[in-house]
Amino acid sequence: MKIESPVFRDGESIPAKYTCDGSDVSPPLSWSGVPGGVRSFSLICDDPDAPMGTWVHWVLYNLPGETSALPEDLPAKGVLDGGGLQGKNDFGRIGYGGPCPPAGRHRYFFKLYALDTLLSLKQGADKKELLKAMEGHIRGECRIVGHYAR
């Protein structure tokens, strides 16, 4: 599997538009090379360089198995039009919270998981709940890493 974005390449800087210094909207993402038997996708975006430990910026799950992209500026709501749920980030909000590092250059991992099931999670689940629910159901995964510094 491969995940990519038209607004930044793997290992490059995330444009300010997708951070707290800009519009703080989610970036567009697309993926390909999905294995057979996938019923849903989950996505986690986090920053392992945060001063107090890994900071979660985005949690999505139960995206339909036929999904191959997410548009820019996904609405910050628990239930998405067309299917899928969003969880709670470490800002305490549902949906995407862009890079907003206190200082220095940070890495932001957008990790996509292809699953063989729909998860029995309600909207608003956190990363820990999602990881637990995905155990034994991951058929493929990929990631893209963006950087941002202030």
C-alpha atoms as a PDB file:
ATOM      1  CA  MET A   1       0.000   0.000   0.000  1.00  0.00           C
ATOM      2  CA  LYS A   2       1.043   3.580  -0.606  1.00  0.00           C
ATOM      3  CA  ILE A   3      -0.370   6.828   0.791  1.00  0.00           C
ATOM      4  CA  GLU A   4       0.423  10.238  -0.638  1.00  0.00           C
ATOM      5  CA  SER A   5      -0.683  13.856  -0.666  1.00  0.00           C
ATOM      6  CA  PRO A   6      -0.659  16.401  -3.487  1.00  0.00           C
ATOM      7  CA  VAL A   7       0.371  19.135  -1.013  1.00  0.00           C
ATOM      8  CA  PHE A   8       3.521  17.541   0.486  1.00  0.00           C
ATOM      9  CA  ARG A   9       5.762  14.609  -0.319  1.00  0.00           C
ATOM     10  CA  ASP A  10       6.988  12.032   2.179  1.00  0.00           C
ATOM     11  CA  GLY A  11       9.717  13.650   4.281  1.00  0.00           C
ATOM     12  CA  GLU A  12       8.891  17.207   3.178  1.00  0.00           C
ATOM     13  CA  SER A  13       7.345  20.157   4.999  1.00  0.00           C
ATOM     14  CA  ILE A  14       3.597  20.402   5.474  1.00  0.00           C
ATOM     15  CA  PRO A  15       2.352  23.741   4.080  1.00  0.00           C
ATOM     16  CA  ALA A  16       1.280  26.261   6.758  1.00  0.00           C
ATOM     17  CA  LYS A  17      -2.313  26.146   5.444  1.00  0.00           C
ATOM     18  CA  TYR A  18      -2.702  22.723   7.128  1.00  0.00           C
ATOM     19  CA  THR A  19      -1.350  23.921  10.514  1.00  0.00           C
ATOM     20  CA  CYS A  20      -2.480  26.157  13.371  1.00  0.00           C
ATOM     21  CA  ASP A  21      -0.486  28.956  11.722  1.00  0.00           C
ATOM     22  CA  GLY A  22      -2.800  28.790   8.687  1.00  0.00           C
ATOM     23  CA  SER A  23      -6.359  27.608   8.090  1.00  0.00           C
ATOM     24  CA  ASP A  24      -5.794  24.411  10.139  1.00  0.00           C
ATOM     25  CA  VAL A  25      -7.644  22.286   7.578  1.00  0.00           C
ATOM     26  CA  SER A  26      -6.892  18.627   6.949  1.00  0.00           C
ATOM     27  CA  PRO A  27      -4.678  17.878   3.950  1.00  0.00           C
ATOM     28  CA  PRO A  28      -5.915  15.855   0.989  1.00  0.00           C
ATOM     29  CA  LEU A  29      -4.666  12.254   1.006  1.00  0.00           C
ATOM     30  CA  SER A  30      -4.992   9.341  -1.400  1.00  0.00           C
ATOM     31  CA  TRP A  31      -3.883   5.724  -1.355  1.00  0.00           C
ATOM     32  CA  SER A  32      -3.386   2.780  -3.673  1.00  0.00           C
ATOM     33  CA  GLY A  33      -2.150  -0.814  -3.699  1.00  0.00           C
ATOM     34  CA  VAL A  34      -4.825  -1.989  -1.273  1.00  0.00           C
ATOM     35  CA  PRO A  35      -4.889  -5.746  -0.567  1.00  0.00           C
ATOM     36  CA  GLY A  36      -8.035  -7.802  -1.188  1.00  0.00           C
ATOM     37  CA  GLY A  37     -10.650  -8.343   1.497  1.00  0.00           C
ATOM     38  CA  VAL A  38     -10.520  -4.821   2.937  1.00  0.00           C
ATOM     39  CA  ARG A  39     -13.783  -3.727   4.564  1.00  0.00           C
ATOM     40  CA  SER A  40     -12.639  -0.449   6.120  1.00  0.00           C
ATOM     41  CA  PHE A  41      -9.740   1.943   6.645  1.00  0.00           C
ATOM     42  CA  SER A  42      -8.461   3.760   9.703  1.00  0.00           C
ATOM     43  CA  LEU A  43      -6.057   6.679   9.833  1.00  0.00           C
ATOM     44  CA  ILE A  44      -4.027   8.092  12.703  1.00  0.00           C
ATOM     45  CA  CYS A  45      -1.902  11.229  12.513  1.00  0.00           C
ATOM     46  CA  ASP A  46       0.456  11.861  15.392  1.00  0.00           C
ATOM     47  CA  ASP A  47       3.626  13.723  16.362  1.00  0.00           C
ATOM     48  CA  PRO A  48       6.220  11.631  18.233  1.00  0.00           C
ATOM     49  CA  ASP A  49       8.398  14.721  18.806  1.00  0.00           C
ATOM     50  CA  ALA A  50       5.969  16.523  21.124  1.00  0.00           C
ATOM     51  CA  PRO A  51       7.559  17.607  24.440  1.00  0.00           C
ATOM     52  CA  MET A  52       5.199  15.542  26.624  1.00  0.00           C
ATOM     53  CA  GLY A  53       5.159  12.402  24.454  1.00  0.00           C
ATOM     54  CA  THR A  54       3.379  11.497  21.221  1.00  0.00           C
ATOM     55  CA  TRP A  55       0.606  13.991  20.414  1.00  0.00           C
ATOM     56  CA  VAL A  56      -2.402  12.759  18.435  1.00  0.00           C
ATOM     57  CA  HIS A  57      -3.654  15.118  15.706  1.00  0.00           C
ATOM     58  CA  TRP A  58      -6.273  13.012  13.909  1.00  0.00           C
ATOM     59  CA  VAL A  59      -8.181   9.756  14.383  1.00  0.00           C
ATOM     60  CA  LEU A  60     -10.468   8.337  11.647  1.00  0.00           C
ATOM     61  CA  TYR A  61     -11.984   4.875  11.332  1.00  0.00           C
ATOM     62  CA  ASN A  62     -14.611   2.826   9.527  1.00  0.00           C
ATOM     63  CA  LEU A  63     -13.893   4.621   6.268  1.00  0.00           C
ATOM     64  CA  PRO A  64     -15.596   2.387   3.661  1.00  0.00           C
ATOM     65  CA  GLY A  65     -13.372  -0.236   2.019  1.00  0.00           C
ATOM     66  CA  GLU A  66     -13.873   1.302  -1.428  1.00  0.00           C
ATOM     67  CA  THR A  67     -12.487   4.663  -0.262  1.00  0.00           C
ATOM     68  CA  SER A  68      -9.207   5.661  -1.910  1.00  0.00           C
ATOM     69  CA  ALA A  69      -8.876   9.311  -0.884  1.00  0.00           C
ATOM     70  CA  LEU A  70      -9.798  11.974   1.634  1.00  0.00           C
ATOM     71  CA  PRO A  71     -10.532  15.503   0.421  1.00  0.00           C
ATOM     72  CA  GLU A  72      -8.946  18.626   1.800  1.00  0.00           C
ATOM     73  CA  ASP A  73     -10.734  20.213   4.770  1.00  0.00           C
ATOM     74  CA  LEU A  74     -12.675  17.198   6.019  1.00  0.00           C
ATOM     75  CA  PRO A  75     -15.463  18.546   8.295  1.00  0.00           C
ATOM     76  CA  ALA A  76     -14.775  18.338  12.024  1.00  0.00           C
ATOM     77  CA  LYS A  77     -17.724  16.105  12.862  1.00  0.00           C
ATOM     78  CA  GLY A  78     -18.026  12.621  14.311  1.00  0.00           C
ATOM     79  CA  VAL A  79     -19.980  10.993  11.484  1.00  0.00           C
ATOM     80  CA  LEU A  80     -18.721  11.703   7.962  1.00  0.00           C
ATOM     81  CA  ASP A  81     -20.902  12.014   4.884  1.00  0.00           C
ATOM     82  CA  GLY A  82     -20.300   8.942   2.751  1.00  0.00           C
ATOM     83  CA  GLY A  83     -19.256   6.829   5.729  1.00  0.00           C
ATOM     84  CA  GLY A  84     -16.598   6.814   8.387  1.00  0.00           C
ATOM     85  CA  LEU A  85     -16.185   8.178  11.876  1.00  0.00           C
ATOM     86  CA  GLN A  86     -13.766  10.620  13.445  1.00  0.00           C
ATOM     87  CA  GLY A  87     -12.314  10.302  16.884  1.00  0.00           C
ATOM     88  CA  LYS A  88     -10.946  12.676  19.462  1.00  0.00           C
ATOM     89  CA  ASN A  89      -7.496  14.201  19.055  1.00  0.00           C
ATOM     90  CA  ASP A  90      -5.217  15.360  21.872  1.00  0.00           C
ATOM     91  CA  PHE A  91      -6.538  18.912  21.508  1.00  0.00           C
ATOM     92  CA  GLY A  92      -9.761  17.439  22.948  1.00  0.00           C
ATOM     93  CA  ARG A  93     -11.681  17.924  19.691  1.00  0.00           C
ATOM     94  CA  ILE A  94     -13.268  15.669  17.086  1.00  0.00           C
ATOM     95  CA  GLY A  95     -11.511  15.687  13.721  1.00  0.00           C
ATOM     96  CA  TYR A  96      -8.229  17.129  12.511  1.00  0.00           C
ATOM     97  CA  GLY A  97      -5.998  19.398  14.558  1.00  0.00           C
ATOM     98  CA  GLY A  98      -3.006  20.476  12.505  1.00  0.00           C
ATOM     99  CA  PRO A  99       0.628  20.798  13.463  1.00  0.00           C
ATOM    100  CA  CYS A 100       1.168  23.426  16.139  1.00  0.00           C
ATOM    101  CA  PRO A 101       4.543  22.673  17.719  1.00  0.00           C
ATOM    102  CA  PRO A 102       5.742  24.872  20.595  1.00  0.00           C
ATOM    103  CA  ALA A 103       9.230  25.101  19.052  1.00  0.00           C
ATOM    104  CA  GLY A 104      11.528  23.238  16.723  1.00  0.00           C
ATOM    105  CA  ARG A 105      10.956  20.875  13.836  1.00  0.00           C
ATOM    106  CA  HIS A 106       8.469  18.058  14.377  1.00  0.00           C
ATOM    107  CA  ARG A 107       7.496  14.974  12.375  1.00  0.00           C
ATOM    108  CA  TYR A 108       3.841  14.183  11.629  1.00  0.00           C
ATOM    109  CA  PHE A 109       3.058  10.564  10.773  1.00  0.00           C
ATOM    110  CA  PHE A 110      -0.114   9.948   8.743  1.00  0.00           C
ATOM    111  CA  LYS A 111      -0.622   6.174   9.173  1.00  0.00           C
ATOM    112  CA  LEU A 112      -3.271   4.375   7.139  1.00  0.00           C
ATOM    113  CA  TYR A 113      -4.528   0.912   8.096  1.00  0.00           C
ATOM    114  CA  ALA A 114      -6.524  -1.429   5.825  1.00  0.00           C
ATOM    115  CA  LEU A 115      -8.823  -3.640   7.918  1.00  0.00           C
ATOM    116  CA  ASP A 116     -10.808  -6.804   7.272  1.00  0.00           C
ATOM    117  CA  THR A 117     -13.765  -5.586   9.346  1.00  0.00           C
ATOM    118  CA  LEU A 118     -15.855  -2.618  10.423  1.00  0.00           C
ATOM    119  CA  LEU A 119     -14.963  -1.655  13.972  1.00  0.00           C
ATOM    120  CA  SER A 120     -17.548  -1.551  16.738  1.00  0.00           C
ATOM    121  CA  LEU A 121     -16.479   1.894  17.945  1.00  0.00           C
ATOM    122  CA  LYS A 122     -18.721   4.914  18.290  1.00  0.00           C
ATOM    123  CA  GLN A 123     -17.710   8.372  17.098  1.00  0.00           C
ATOM    124  CA  GLY A 124     -15.205  10.124  19.356  1.00  0.00           C
ATOM    125  CA  ALA A 125     -12.927   7.157  20.120  1.00  0.00           C
ATOM    126  CA  ASP A 126      -9.307   7.988  20.882  1.00  0.00           C
ATOM    127  CA  LYS A 127      -6.104   6.531  19.437  1.00  0.00           C
ATOM    128  CA  LYS A 128      -5.712   3.983  22.231  1.00  0.00           C
ATOM    129  CA  GLU A 129      -9.257   2.649  21.738  1.00  0.00           C
ATOM    130  CA  LEU A 130      -8.745   2.502  17.981  1.00  0.00           C
ATOM    131  CA  LEU A 131      -5.461   0.609  18.195  1.00  0.00           C
ATOM    132  CA  LYS A 132      -7.048  -1.939  20.544  1.00  0.00           C
ATOM    133  CA  ALA A 133     -10.074  -2.409  18.245  1.00  0.00           C
ATOM    134  CA  MET A 134      -7.827  -2.925  15.193  1.00  0.00           C
ATOM    135  CA  GLU A 135      -5.813  -5.752  16.773  1.00  0.00           C
ATOM    136  CA  GLY A 136      -5.937  -8.859  14.589  1.00  0.00           C
ATOM    137  CA  HIS A 137      -7.733  -7.043  11.746  1.00  0.00           C
ATOM    138  CA  ILE A 138      -4.929  -5.183   9.915  1.00  0.00           C
ATOM    139  CA  ARG A 139      -4.440  -6.460   6.341  1.00  0.00           C
ATOM    140  CA  GLY A 140      -2.080  -3.701   5.257  1.00  0.00           C
ATOM    141  CA  GLU A 141      -0.631  -0.386   6.365  1.00  0.00           C
ATOM    142  CA  CYS A 142       1.375   2.512   5.017  1.00  0.00           C
ATOM    143  CA  ARG A 143       2.421   5.992   6.063  1.00  0.00           C
ATOM    144  CA  ILE A 144       3.536   9.380   4.882  1.00  0.00           C
ATOM    145  CA  VAL A 145       5.591  11.669   7.116  1.00  0.00           C
ATOM    146  CA  GLY A 146       5.466  15.434   6.919  1.00  0.00           C
ATOM    147  CA  HIS A 147       7.535  17.966   8.847  1.00  0.00           C
ATOM    148  CA  TYR A 148       6.655  21.316  10.323  1.00  0.00           C
ATOM    149  CA  ALA A 149       8.672  23.861  12.303  1.00  0.00           C
ATOM    150  CA  ARG A 150       7.881  27.187  13.900  1.00  0.00           C
END
